[in-house]
Amino acid sequence: MMYFKFRIAVALFVLSIASAYPQKIKKTKIAPYMSHYIEVSEPSGLVYYPNNNSLFIVSDNGDLFETTLDGKILRQAHYEGVDFEAVTFVNGLLYVVEERHRNVLVFDPKELKLLHTFHIPYSGGRNKGFESIAYIPDSRKFILITEKDPVYVMEFDTAFRPLNVYRFEAARDISSATYFEGFLYLLSDEDRTIFQLSPKDYSIVQAWKVPIINPEGIMFLPDRSLRIVSDDREKLYYFKNPIQ
């Protein structure tokens, strides 16, 4: 019964759209200062892990890896998922998005053990579900973003109960998201663009064009530098902080 009510609640919130209206904004071109191949096949999302000064990277094959900062595999979870698309690290836990099954999986990063699964129904195309995840610490809410047709920015509380939904119309698709120093950053694969958004109303603050084929994951390191991973190329790209 609780599952049924949750499904209905999500449907109602999706119908109550508050659009993030398209904005004409200048896109500044930025280029990586370095790139190299990594050991993870079809990487689709990554996050910094401060405990080990390492990365966690997920792949389209449904795998979760811990790697060095330059992408060399250290460990791999025994759990075999389906179509992992995004990962974030919140309060000592890893949250992984499984797109096709509409799940958010919670892992213990120390043992790479699956602790919990949140199922979040979404009626979009099988391969156009949740592509990105981020956490806004000030308001203690998770953000899940659908890939395309359309792009929805969905807000959830820490138990993944729905709070609000916004339609983001400034990009053809969104492939990744991250929160850093008071702003939400969205990455578009098809537009090859990074959007810096206000987490209050998802209005665009700045945007940058990146010369990367199939950019699928975005994150910042503690030194404020930016990293983007390409799925097709299986490469990690290094950028200086664009707002420095």
Protein backbone atom coordinates (compact mmCIF):
# COMPACT_ATOMS: atom_id res chain seq x y z
CA MET A 1 0.00 0.00 0.00
CA MET A 2 2.85 2.40 0.82
CA TYR A 3 4.46 1.66 -2.55
CA PHE A 4 1.18 2.41 -4.35
CA LYS A 5 0.79 5.75 -2.55
CA PHE A 6 4.39 6.65 -3.38
CA ARG A 7 3.82 5.89 -7.06
CA ILE A 8 0.73 8.10 -7.11
CA ALA A 9 2.58 10.90 -5.32
CA VAL A 10 5.37 10.89 -7.91
CA ALA A 11 2.85 11.02 -10.75
CA LEU A 12 1.05 14.00 -9.22
CA PHE A 13 4.26 15.91 -8.68
CA VAL A 14 5.36 15.31 -12.27
CA LEU A 15 2.11 16.83 -13.48
CA SER A 16 2.64 19.90 -11.31
CA ILE A 17 5.58 21.27 -13.29
CA ALA A 18 7.27 24.54 -12.45
CA SER A 19 9.36 25.26 -15.57
CA ALA A 20 12.89 26.56 -15.46
CA TYR A 21 12.31 28.81 -18.47
CA PRO A 22 14.90 28.80 -21.26
CA GLN A 23 17.48 31.54 -20.97
CA LYS A 24 19.71 32.97 -23.67
CA ILE A 25 23.09 32.86 -22.05
CA LYS A 26 26.60 33.18 -23.40
CA LYS A 27 28.61 29.95 -23.35
CA THR A 28 32.31 30.46 -22.71
CA LYS A 29 34.62 27.91 -24.32
CA ILE A 30 36.98 26.08 -21.98
CA ALA A 31 39.49 23.35 -22.81
CA PRO A 32 41.12 20.60 -20.74
CA TYR A 33 44.79 20.95 -19.92
CA MET A 34 45.25 17.16 -19.83
CA SER A 35 43.43 13.90 -20.60
CA HIS A 36 44.17 10.19 -20.48
CA TYR A 37 42.49 6.81 -20.80
CA ILE A 38 41.15 5.10 -17.67
CA GLU A 39 40.66 1.43 -16.82
CA VAL A 40 36.87 1.59 -16.37
CA SER A 41 34.85 0.47 -19.39
CA GLU A 42 31.98 2.80 -20.42
CA PRO A 43 32.27 5.17 -17.43
CA SER A 44 29.11 7.18 -16.85
CA GLY A 45 29.52 8.93 -13.49
CA LEU A 46 32.16 9.68 -10.88
CA VAL A 47 32.59 11.21 -7.44
CA TYR A 48 35.51 12.07 -5.17
CA TYR A 49 35.97 9.86 -2.08
CA PRO A 50 37.79 11.88 0.61
CA ASN A 51 38.47 8.94 2.94
CA ASN A 52 40.94 7.36 0.51
CA ASN A 53 41.70 10.35 -1.75
CA SER A 54 40.25 8.27 -4.55
CA LEU A 55 37.33 8.18 -6.99
CA PHE A 56 34.24 6.06 -7.28
CA ILE A 57 33.21 5.51 -10.90
CA VAL A 58 30.11 3.74 -12.22
CA SER A 59 29.75 2.20 -15.66
CA ASP A 60 26.96 1.48 -18.11
CA ASN A 61 27.64 -2.20 -17.47
CA GLY A 62 26.23 -1.90 -13.94
CA ASP A 63 29.57 -1.88 -12.12
CA LEU A 64 30.86 0.23 -9.24
CA PHE A 65 34.62 0.80 -9.01
CA GLU A 66 36.95 2.57 -6.65
CA THR A 67 39.90 3.99 -8.57
CA THR A 68 42.94 6.17 -8.08
CA LEU A 69 42.58 9.83 -9.02
CA ASP A 70 43.85 8.97 -12.50
CA GLY A 71 41.38 6.12 -13.02
CA LYS A 72 43.33 2.97 -12.13
CA ILE A 73 41.04 0.37 -10.56
CA LEU A 74 41.56 -0.36 -6.86
CA ARG A 75 38.37 -2.28 -6.01
CA GLN A 76 35.12 -3.40 -7.61
CA ALA A 77 31.79 -4.08 -5.92
CA HIS A 78 30.47 -7.65 -6.05
CA TYR A 79 26.97 -6.34 -6.72
CA GLU A 80 26.08 -6.61 -10.41
CA GLY A 81 23.61 -3.93 -11.42
CA VAL A 82 22.03 -2.78 -14.66
CA ASP A 83 22.92 0.46 -16.39
CA PHE A 84 24.58 2.50 -13.63
CA GLU A 85 24.51 6.16 -14.67
CA ALA A 86 25.44 8.35 -11.69
CA VAL A 87 27.01 8.29 -8.24
CA THR A 88 27.35 10.71 -5.33
CA PHE A 89 28.86 10.55 -1.84
CA VAL A 90 26.68 11.84 1.01
CA ASN A 91 27.24 11.53 4.78
CA GLY A 92 29.56 8.56 4.46
CA LEU A 93 27.46 6.61 1.94
CA LEU A 94 27.47 6.12 -1.82
CA TYR A 95 24.25 6.67 -3.77
CA VAL A 96 24.18 5.05 -7.22
CA VAL A 97 21.53 5.57 -9.90
CA GLU A 98 20.37 2.47 -11.79
CA GLU A 99 18.55 4.04 -14.73
CA ARG A 100 16.58 1.25 -16.38
CA HIS A 101 15.27 -0.21 -13.12
CA ARG A 102 14.51 3.27 -11.65
CA ASN A 103 16.51 2.52 -8.51
CA VAL A 104 18.81 4.46 -6.22
CA LEU A 105 21.20 2.01 -4.57
CA VAL A 106 22.92 2.87 -1.29
CA PHE A 107 26.39 1.35 -0.73
CA ASP A 108 28.78 1.27 2.20
CA PRO A 109 31.99 2.55 0.56
CA LYS A 110 34.25 0.76 3.02
CA GLU A 111 32.97 -2.73 2.23
CA LEU A 112 31.28 -1.93 -1.11
CA LYS A 113 28.20 -3.61 0.32
CA LEU A 114 24.67 -2.79 -0.82
CA LEU A 115 22.72 -1.46 2.16
CA HIS A 116 19.42 -0.26 0.73
CA THR A 117 17.45 0.20 -2.48
CA PHE A 118 15.02 3.03 -3.19
CA HIS A 119 12.68 2.37 -6.12
CA ILE A 120 11.41 5.57 -7.75
CA PRO A 121 8.82 4.98 -10.49
CA TYR A 122 9.10 7.06 -13.64
CA SER A 123 7.06 6.48 -16.81
CA GLY A 124 9.56 7.88 -19.34
CA GLY A 125 11.46 5.79 -21.89
CA ARG A 126 13.43 2.86 -20.52
CA ASN A 127 16.74 4.50 -21.44
CA LYS A 128 15.56 8.05 -20.66
CA GLY A 129 15.17 7.72 -16.92
CA PHE A 130 17.29 9.17 -14.12
CA GLU A 131 20.71 10.03 -15.49
CA SER A 132 22.08 12.24 -12.70
CA ILE A 133 22.10 12.57 -8.93
CA ALA A 134 23.27 15.33 -6.59
CA TYR A 135 22.73 16.37 -2.99
CA ILE A 136 22.05 19.91 -1.73
CA PRO A 137 23.34 19.96 1.88
CA ASP A 138 21.84 23.31 2.90
CA SER A 139 18.29 22.11 2.22
CA ARG A 140 19.05 18.41 2.84
CA LYS A 141 17.51 17.26 -0.43
CA PHE A 142 18.54 14.92 -3.22
CA ILE A 143 18.24 15.91 -6.86
CA LEU A 144 17.49 13.32 -9.55
CA ILE A 145 17.49 14.44 -13.18
CA THR A 146 15.99 12.59 -16.14
CA GLU A 147 18.12 12.36 -19.27
CA LYS A 148 15.86 13.87 -21.95
CA ASP A 149 12.42 14.11 -23.59
CA PRO A 150 11.93 15.99 -21.31
CA VAL A 151 14.61 16.89 -18.75
CA TYR A 152 13.05 16.94 -15.27
CA VAL A 153 14.86 18.12 -12.16
CA MET A 154 13.21 16.23 -9.30
CA GLU A 155 13.69 17.05 -5.63
CA PHE A 156 13.48 14.40 -2.89
CA ASP A 157 14.02 14.35 0.85
CA THR A 158 16.62 12.06 2.42
CA ALA A 159 14.15 9.14 2.35
CA PHE A 160 13.50 9.82 -1.36
CA ARG A 161 10.00 11.09 -0.82
CA PRO A 162 9.10 13.54 -3.64
CA LEU A 163 9.20 17.26 -2.90
CA ASN A 164 9.01 19.11 -6.21
CA VAL A 165 9.66 18.83 -9.94
CA TYR A 166 11.05 21.38 -12.38
CA ARG A 167 11.37 21.14 -16.13
CA PHE A 168 14.79 22.21 -17.44
CA GLU A 169 14.51 23.44 -21.03
CA ALA A 170 17.93 24.97 -21.65
CA ALA A 171 19.57 21.75 -22.88
CA ARG A 172 18.65 18.84 -25.13
CA ASP A 173 19.79 16.38 -22.49
CA ILE A 174 21.53 16.17 -19.10
CA SER A 175 24.10 13.43 -18.52
CA SER A 176 25.50 14.33 -15.08
CA ALA A 177 25.16 16.67 -12.09
CA THR A 178 27.20 17.70 -9.08
CA TYR A 179 26.95 20.22 -6.25
CA PHE A 180 29.99 22.33 -5.40
CA GLU A 181 30.51 25.48 -3.34
CA GLY A 182 26.91 26.62 -3.32
CA PHE A 183 25.98 25.84 -6.92
CA LEU A 184 24.51 22.94 -8.87
CA TYR A 185 26.39 21.99 -12.03
CA LEU A 186 24.69 20.12 -14.88
CA LEU A 187 26.50 18.53 -17.81
CA SER A 188 24.89 18.09 -21.22
CA ASP A 189 26.23 15.33 -23.46
CA GLU A 190 24.48 16.41 -26.67
CA ASP A 191 25.19 20.13 -26.18
CA ARG A 192 28.68 19.53 -24.71
CA THR A 193 27.92 22.21 -22.15
CA ILE A 194 28.31 22.72 -18.40
CA PHE A 195 25.57 24.76 -16.72
CA GLN A 196 26.09 26.44 -13.34
CA LEU A 197 22.69 26.78 -11.62
CA SER A 198 21.30 28.38 -8.51
CA PRO A 199 20.05 25.50 -6.30
CA LYS A 200 17.13 27.69 -5.18
CA ASP A 201 15.29 28.08 -8.49
CA TYR A 202 17.58 26.31 -11.01
CA SER A 203 18.18 29.51 -12.93
CA ILE A 204 21.36 29.52 -15.02
CA VAL A 205 24.24 31.58 -13.65
CA GLN A 206 26.94 30.69 -16.19
CA ALA A 207 27.58 28.15 -18.94
CA TRP A 208 30.71 26.70 -20.53
CA LYS A 209 31.24 24.81 -23.79
CA VAL A 210 33.61 21.81 -23.59
CA PRO A 211 35.33 20.07 -26.56
CA ILE A 212 34.59 16.52 -25.40
CA ILE A 213 32.84 13.70 -27.22
CA ASN A 214 30.14 12.04 -25.09
CA PRO A 215 30.81 13.76 -21.73
CA GLU A 216 29.00 11.61 -19.16
CA GLY A 217 30.28 12.49 -15.68
CA ILE A 218 31.33 15.68 -13.89
CA MET A 219 32.89 16.38 -10.49
CA PHE A 220 35.16 18.77 -8.58
CA LEU A 221 38.19 17.87 -6.48
CA PRO A 222 39.10 19.55 -3.16
CA ASP A 223 41.65 21.74 -4.99
CA ARG A 224 38.63 23.14 -6.93
CA SER A 225 39.77 21.63 -10.24
CA LEU A 226 37.18 20.06 -12.52
CA ARG A 227 37.06 16.55 -13.98
CA ILE A 228 34.87 15.22 -16.79
CA VAL A 229 34.74 11.61 -17.97
CA SER A 230 33.83 10.52 -21.50
CA ASP A 231 31.82 7.32 -21.91
CA ASP A 232 32.68 6.50 -25.55
CA ARG A 233 36.33 7.53 -25.29
CA GLU A 234 36.82 6.07 -21.79
CA LYS A 235 38.96 9.09 -20.98
CA LEU A 236 39.28 11.45 -18.03
CA TYR A 237 39.63 15.16 -18.83
CA TYR A 238 41.26 17.69 -16.49
CA PHE A 239 40.10 21.33 -16.31
CA LYS A 240 41.05 24.27 -14.19
CA ASN A 241 38.14 25.71 -12.20
CA PRO A 242 36.22 27.78 -14.78
CA ILE A 243 35.14 30.40 -12.24
CA GLN A 244 38.61 31.14 -10.85
